[in-house]
N, C-alpha and C. Protein backbone atom coordinates (compact mmCIF):
# COMPACT_ATOMS: atom_id res chain seq x y z
N MET A 1 -1.72 43.73 -50.15
CA MET A 1 -1.60 44.65 -49.11
C MET A 1 -0.04 44.59 -49.18
N SER A 2 0.30 45.96 -48.60
CA SER A 2 1.40 46.28 -48.61
C SER A 2 2.46 45.82 -47.30
N LEU A 3 3.66 45.88 -47.36
CA LEU A 3 4.30 45.60 -46.19
C LEU A 3 4.22 46.40 -44.81
N SER A 4 3.75 47.70 -44.93
CA SER A 4 3.46 48.59 -43.94
C SER A 4 1.95 47.84 -43.38
N SER A 5 1.17 47.76 -43.92
CA SER A 5 -0.42 47.49 -43.41
C SER A 5 -0.10 45.95 -42.68
N LEU A 6 0.77 44.91 -43.12
CA LEU A 6 1.04 43.58 -42.70
C LEU A 6 1.74 43.95 -41.31
N TYR A 7 2.78 44.85 -41.35
CA TYR A 7 3.42 45.00 -40.18
C TYR A 7 2.39 45.90 -39.28
N ASP A 8 1.64 46.77 -39.61
CA ASP A 8 0.68 47.13 -38.54
C ASP A 8 -0.19 45.99 -38.18
N VAL A 9 -0.94 45.04 -38.77
CA VAL A 9 -1.77 44.21 -38.24
C VAL A 9 -0.79 43.17 -37.25
N ALA A 10 0.59 43.02 -37.55
CA ALA A 10 1.15 42.09 -36.78
C ALA A 10 1.46 42.70 -35.41
N LEU A 11 1.60 43.98 -35.64
CA LEU A 11 1.62 44.91 -34.20
C LEU A 11 0.74 44.98 -33.49
N GLY A 12 -0.65 44.94 -34.15
CA GLY A 12 -1.88 45.06 -33.27
C GLY A 12 -2.08 43.62 -32.60
N LEU A 13 -1.81 42.81 -33.18
CA LEU A 13 -1.81 41.37 -32.65
C LEU A 13 -0.90 41.06 -31.49
N LEU A 14 0.13 41.53 -31.64
CA LEU A 14 1.16 41.19 -30.55
C LEU A 14 0.66 42.13 -29.25
N ALA A 15 0.08 43.56 -29.92
CA ALA A 15 -0.26 44.55 -28.84
C ALA A 15 -1.49 43.69 -27.79
N LEU A 16 -2.53 43.05 -28.63
CA LEU A 16 -3.54 42.31 -27.98
C LEU A 16 -2.80 41.06 -26.85
N VAL A 17 -1.92 40.13 -27.71
CA VAL A 17 -1.42 39.29 -26.90
C VAL A 17 -0.74 39.95 -25.29
N GLY A 18 -0.01 41.17 -25.78
CA GLY A 18 0.68 41.87 -24.50
C GLY A 18 -0.27 41.91 -23.54
N VAL A 19 -1.47 42.82 -23.92
CA VAL A 19 -2.65 43.13 -22.96
C VAL A 19 -3.36 42.03 -22.14
N ALA A 20 -3.41 41.04 -23.03
CA ALA A 20 -3.74 39.72 -22.28
C ALA A 20 -2.98 39.17 -21.46
N ALA A 21 -1.54 39.04 -21.73
CA ALA A 21 -0.66 38.63 -20.78
C ALA A 21 -0.78 39.43 -19.56
N ILE A 22 -0.91 40.77 -19.59
CA ILE A 22 -0.76 41.62 -18.46
C ILE A 22 -1.89 41.49 -17.56
N ALA A 23 -2.95 41.51 -18.53
CA ALA A 23 -4.22 41.16 -17.52
C ALA A 23 -4.28 39.82 -16.56
N THR A 24 -3.56 38.75 -17.64
CA THR A 24 -3.71 37.47 -16.90
C THR A 24 -2.69 37.40 -15.71
N VAL A 25 -1.68 38.60 -15.66
CA VAL A 25 -0.52 38.80 -14.51
C VAL A 25 -1.20 39.14 -13.49
N LEU A 26 -2.10 40.49 -13.59
CA LEU A 26 -2.38 41.17 -12.57
C LEU A 26 -3.92 40.58 -11.77
N MET A 27 -4.60 39.65 -12.51
CA MET A 27 -5.91 39.11 -11.85
C MET A 27 -5.55 38.67 -10.52
N PRO A 28 -4.45 37.96 -10.34
CA PRO A 28 -4.49 37.58 -8.81
C PRO A 28 -4.33 38.39 -7.60
N ALA A 29 -4.11 39.63 -8.20
CA ALA A 29 -3.39 40.70 -7.41
C ALA A 29 -4.54 41.17 -6.79
N TRP A 30 -6.11 41.15 -7.00
CA TRP A 30 -7.29 41.65 -6.49
C TRP A 30 -8.10 40.33 -6.12
N PRO A 31 -8.42 40.19 -4.70
CA PRO A 31 -8.77 38.74 -4.12
C PRO A 31 -10.36 38.98 -4.71
N VAL A 32 -11.00 38.07 -4.87
CA VAL A 32 -12.30 37.67 -5.35
C VAL A 32 -13.23 37.25 -4.09
N ARG A 33 -14.22 37.72 -3.92
CA ARG A 33 -15.11 37.31 -2.48
C ARG A 33 -15.86 36.37 -3.20
N PRO A 34 -15.94 35.06 -2.17
CA PRO A 34 -16.73 34.25 -3.10
C PRO A 34 -18.31 34.86 -2.59
N PRO A 35 -19.27 34.06 -3.50
CA PRO A 35 -20.64 34.35 -3.25
C PRO A 35 -21.25 33.76 -1.94
N PRO A 36 -22.26 34.43 -1.66
CA PRO A 36 -22.89 33.58 -0.56
C PRO A 36 -23.55 32.38 -1.06
N PRO A 37 -23.69 31.51 0.27
CA PRO A 37 -24.34 30.21 -0.32
C PRO A 37 -26.17 30.35 -0.82
N PRO A 38 -26.25 29.52 -1.62
CA PRO A 38 -27.90 29.95 -1.70
C PRO A 38 -28.60 29.65 -0.66
N ALA A 39 -29.61 30.37 -0.19
CA ALA A 39 -30.56 30.18 0.77
C ALA A 39 -31.20 28.85 0.62
N SER A 40 -31.70 28.31 -0.34
CA SER A 40 -32.36 26.93 -0.45
C SER A 40 -31.53 25.95 0.00
N ILE A 41 -30.17 26.01 -0.63
CA ILE A 41 -29.52 24.87 -0.51
C ILE A 41 -29.07 24.65 0.75
N HIS A 42 -28.64 25.96 1.33
CA HIS A 42 -28.26 26.21 2.86
C HIS A 42 -29.19 25.68 3.86
N SER A 43 -30.37 26.17 3.70
CA SER A 43 -31.51 25.43 4.61
C SER A 43 -31.66 24.02 4.42
N GLY A 44 -31.88 23.72 3.28
CA GLY A 44 -31.84 22.21 3.04
C GLY A 44 -31.20 21.43 3.54
N ALA A 45 -29.60 21.76 3.71
CA ALA A 45 -28.78 21.16 4.09
C ALA A 45 -28.69 21.07 5.76
N ARG A 46 -29.28 22.22 6.22
CA ARG A 46 -29.35 22.02 7.73
C ARG A 46 -30.42 20.96 8.03
N GLU A 47 -31.30 20.69 7.29
CA GLU A 47 -32.57 19.87 7.56
C GLU A 47 -32.34 18.63 7.39
N ILE A 48 -31.39 18.03 7.00
CA ILE A 48 -31.06 16.70 6.83
C ILE A 48 -30.97 15.78 8.07
N ASP A 49 -31.76 14.76 8.17
CA ASP A 49 -31.65 14.32 9.46
C ASP A 49 -30.40 13.00 9.19
N GLU A 50 -29.60 13.06 10.24
CA GLU A 50 -28.27 12.15 10.15
C GLU A 50 -28.36 11.21 11.12
N THR A 51 -29.73 10.53 11.60
CA THR A 51 -29.62 9.42 12.39
C THR A 51 -29.32 8.06 11.40
N GLY A 52 -29.54 7.81 10.25
CA GLY A 52 -29.19 6.70 9.70
C GLY A 52 -27.70 6.93 9.08
N ALA A 53 -27.01 7.78 9.36
CA ALA A 53 -25.76 7.94 8.70
C ALA A 53 -24.71 6.93 9.14
N PRO A 54 -23.70 6.39 8.67
CA PRO A 54 -22.90 5.62 9.18
C PRO A 54 -21.65 6.66 10.00
N ASP A 55 -21.26 5.81 10.90
CA ASP A 55 -20.12 6.69 11.99
C ASP A 55 -19.26 7.20 11.12
N LEU A 56 -18.65 8.14 11.35
CA LEU A 56 -17.57 9.15 10.59
C LEU A 56 -16.23 8.16 11.21
N SER A 57 -15.35 8.00 9.78
CA SER A 57 -14.53 6.87 9.64
C SER A 57 -13.13 8.18 9.47
N ARG A 58 -12.02 7.83 10.33
CA ARG A 58 -10.63 8.66 10.12
C ARG A 58 -9.98 7.68 9.77
N HIS A 59 -8.92 8.54 8.94
CA HIS A 59 -7.79 7.75 8.31
C HIS A 59 -6.63 8.82 8.22
N GLN A 60 -5.35 8.45 8.42
CA GLN A 60 -4.39 9.29 8.52
C GLN A 60 -3.38 9.06 7.14
N ALA A 61 -3.33 10.46 6.53
CA ALA A 61 -2.59 10.15 5.23
C ALA A 61 -1.03 10.12 5.41
N ARG A 62 -0.35 9.96 4.26
CA ARG A 62 1.06 9.94 4.46
C ARG A 62 1.86 10.80 4.92
N ASP A 63 1.05 12.18 4.82
CA ASP A 63 1.97 13.40 5.40
C ASP A 63 1.62 13.50 6.66
N GLY A 64 0.88 12.85 7.20
CA GLY A 64 0.35 13.17 9.03
C GLY A 64 -0.88 13.75 9.18
N THR A 65 -1.52 14.47 7.87
CA THR A 65 -2.98 14.73 8.27
C THR A 65 -4.12 13.86 8.24
N TRP A 66 -4.87 14.18 9.02
CA TRP A 66 -6.19 13.35 9.40
C TRP A 66 -7.25 13.71 8.41
N LEU A 67 -7.85 12.72 7.71
CA LEU A 67 -8.89 12.76 6.80
C LEU A 67 -10.11 12.16 7.50
N ALA A 68 -11.25 12.46 7.15
CA ALA A 68 -12.35 12.11 8.04
C ALA A 68 -13.50 11.87 6.69
N GLY A 69 -14.19 10.93 6.76
CA GLY A 69 -15.29 10.75 5.95
C GLY A 69 -16.28 9.94 6.07
N TYR A 70 -17.36 9.46 5.42
CA TYR A 70 -17.98 8.52 5.43
C TYR A 70 -17.74 7.44 4.37
N VAL A 71 -18.11 6.27 5.06
CA VAL A 71 -17.72 5.20 4.15
C VAL A 71 -19.22 4.26 3.75
N TRP A 72 -19.59 4.43 2.65
CA TRP A 72 -21.11 3.84 2.21
C TRP A 72 -20.74 2.67 1.49
N SER A 73 -21.32 1.71 2.20
CA SER A 73 -21.06 0.32 1.12
C SER A 73 -22.27 -0.33 1.50
N GLY A 74 -22.27 -1.76 1.00
CA GLY A 74 -23.62 -2.40 1.14
C GLY A 74 -24.30 -2.40 -0.21
N ALA A 75 -25.54 -2.19 -0.08
CA ALA A 75 -26.33 -2.21 -1.32
C ALA A 75 -26.13 -1.56 -2.51
N ALA A 76 -25.79 -0.17 -1.71
CA ALA A 76 -25.44 0.99 -2.72
C ALA A 76 -24.03 0.68 -3.42
N PHE A 77 -23.37 -0.30 -3.32
CA PHE A 77 -22.18 -0.26 -3.94
C PHE A 77 -21.98 -1.71 -4.35
N PRO A 78 -22.60 -2.32 -5.75
CA PRO A 78 -22.37 -3.61 -6.24
C PRO A 78 -21.16 -3.77 -6.73
N LEU A 79 -20.58 -5.05 -6.41
CA LEU A 79 -19.18 -5.33 -6.64
C LEU A 79 -19.13 -5.55 -8.01
N TRP A 80 -19.93 -5.97 -8.82
CA TRP A 80 -19.82 -6.18 -10.44
C TRP A 80 -19.44 -4.74 -11.03
N LEU A 81 -20.18 -3.60 -10.39
CA LEU A 81 -19.99 -2.25 -10.92
C LEU A 81 -18.72 -1.85 -10.78
N ALA A 82 -18.16 -2.33 -9.61
CA ALA A 82 -16.67 -1.59 -9.41
C ALA A 82 -15.59 -2.65 -10.28
N ALA A 83 -15.97 -3.91 -10.53
CA ALA A 83 -14.78 -4.40 -11.46
C ALA A 83 -15.09 -4.19 -12.77
N VAL A 84 -16.58 -3.86 -13.40
CA VAL A 84 -16.71 -3.40 -14.49
C VAL A 84 -15.98 -2.17 -14.78
N SER A 85 -16.25 -0.98 -14.03
CA SER A 85 -15.74 0.35 -14.09
C SER A 85 -14.15 0.22 -13.79
N GLY A 86 -13.74 -0.54 -12.95
CA GLY A 86 -12.28 -0.48 -12.87
C GLY A 86 -11.39 -1.05 -14.04
N GLY A 87 -11.98 -2.06 -14.47
CA GLY A 87 -11.52 -2.70 -15.50
C GLY A 87 -11.60 -1.83 -16.87
N GLY A 88 -12.47 -1.21 -16.95
CA GLY A 88 -12.68 0.03 -18.11
C GLY A 88 -11.48 0.91 -18.10
N TYR A 89 -11.26 1.47 -16.78
CA TYR A 89 -10.41 2.39 -16.59
C TYR A 89 -8.93 1.85 -16.92
N ILE A 90 -8.75 0.48 -16.33
CA ILE A 90 -7.31 0.02 -16.64
C ILE A 90 -7.27 -0.36 -18.53
N LEU A 91 -8.11 -0.59 -18.93
CA LEU A 91 -8.49 -0.79 -20.27
C LEU A 91 -8.11 0.08 -21.12
N CYS A 92 -8.37 1.42 -20.56
CA CYS A 92 -8.43 2.65 -21.38
C CYS A 92 -7.14 3.32 -21.14
N GLY A 93 -6.52 2.89 -19.95
CA GLY A 93 -5.28 3.35 -19.67
C GLY A 93 -4.30 2.82 -20.31
N LEU A 94 -4.42 1.55 -20.48
CA LEU A 94 -3.58 0.67 -21.38
C LEU A 94 -3.59 1.20 -22.99
N TRP A 95 -4.72 1.36 -23.48
CA TRP A 95 -4.96 1.84 -24.79
C TRP A 95 -4.30 3.12 -25.04
N MET A 96 -4.62 4.20 -24.09
CA MET A 96 -3.76 5.43 -24.21
C MET A 96 -2.02 5.31 -24.38
N ARG A 97 -1.73 4.30 -23.47
CA ARG A 97 -0.16 3.95 -23.23
C ARG A 97 0.43 3.82 -24.70
N ARG A 98 -0.56 3.02 -25.01
CA ARG A 98 -0.19 2.38 -26.55
C ARG A 98 0.00 3.48 -27.55
N ALA A 99 -0.60 4.47 -27.53
CA ALA A 99 -0.45 5.70 -28.40
C ALA A 99 0.96 6.25 -28.37
């Protein structure tokens, strides 16, 4: 290959990178409409009976905003599972910190 053909290949690759960079910068300029929710999921969610659900608990975050959610505990949350999973996360973090 001659030097001029290498120059042409390099220039073409740089042009492709430039076009990709321009496209990436311009993408947020056009808003994207979110798709409508699927009818089967939306109608199924409306039919859920909430009589057995626990009360909605609210907590205030450090920045002052209020967070709301359900606290599910009891038979669905065995304590040994939390200890095993949490211990695994701690060991994994210590192992990665070693590297």
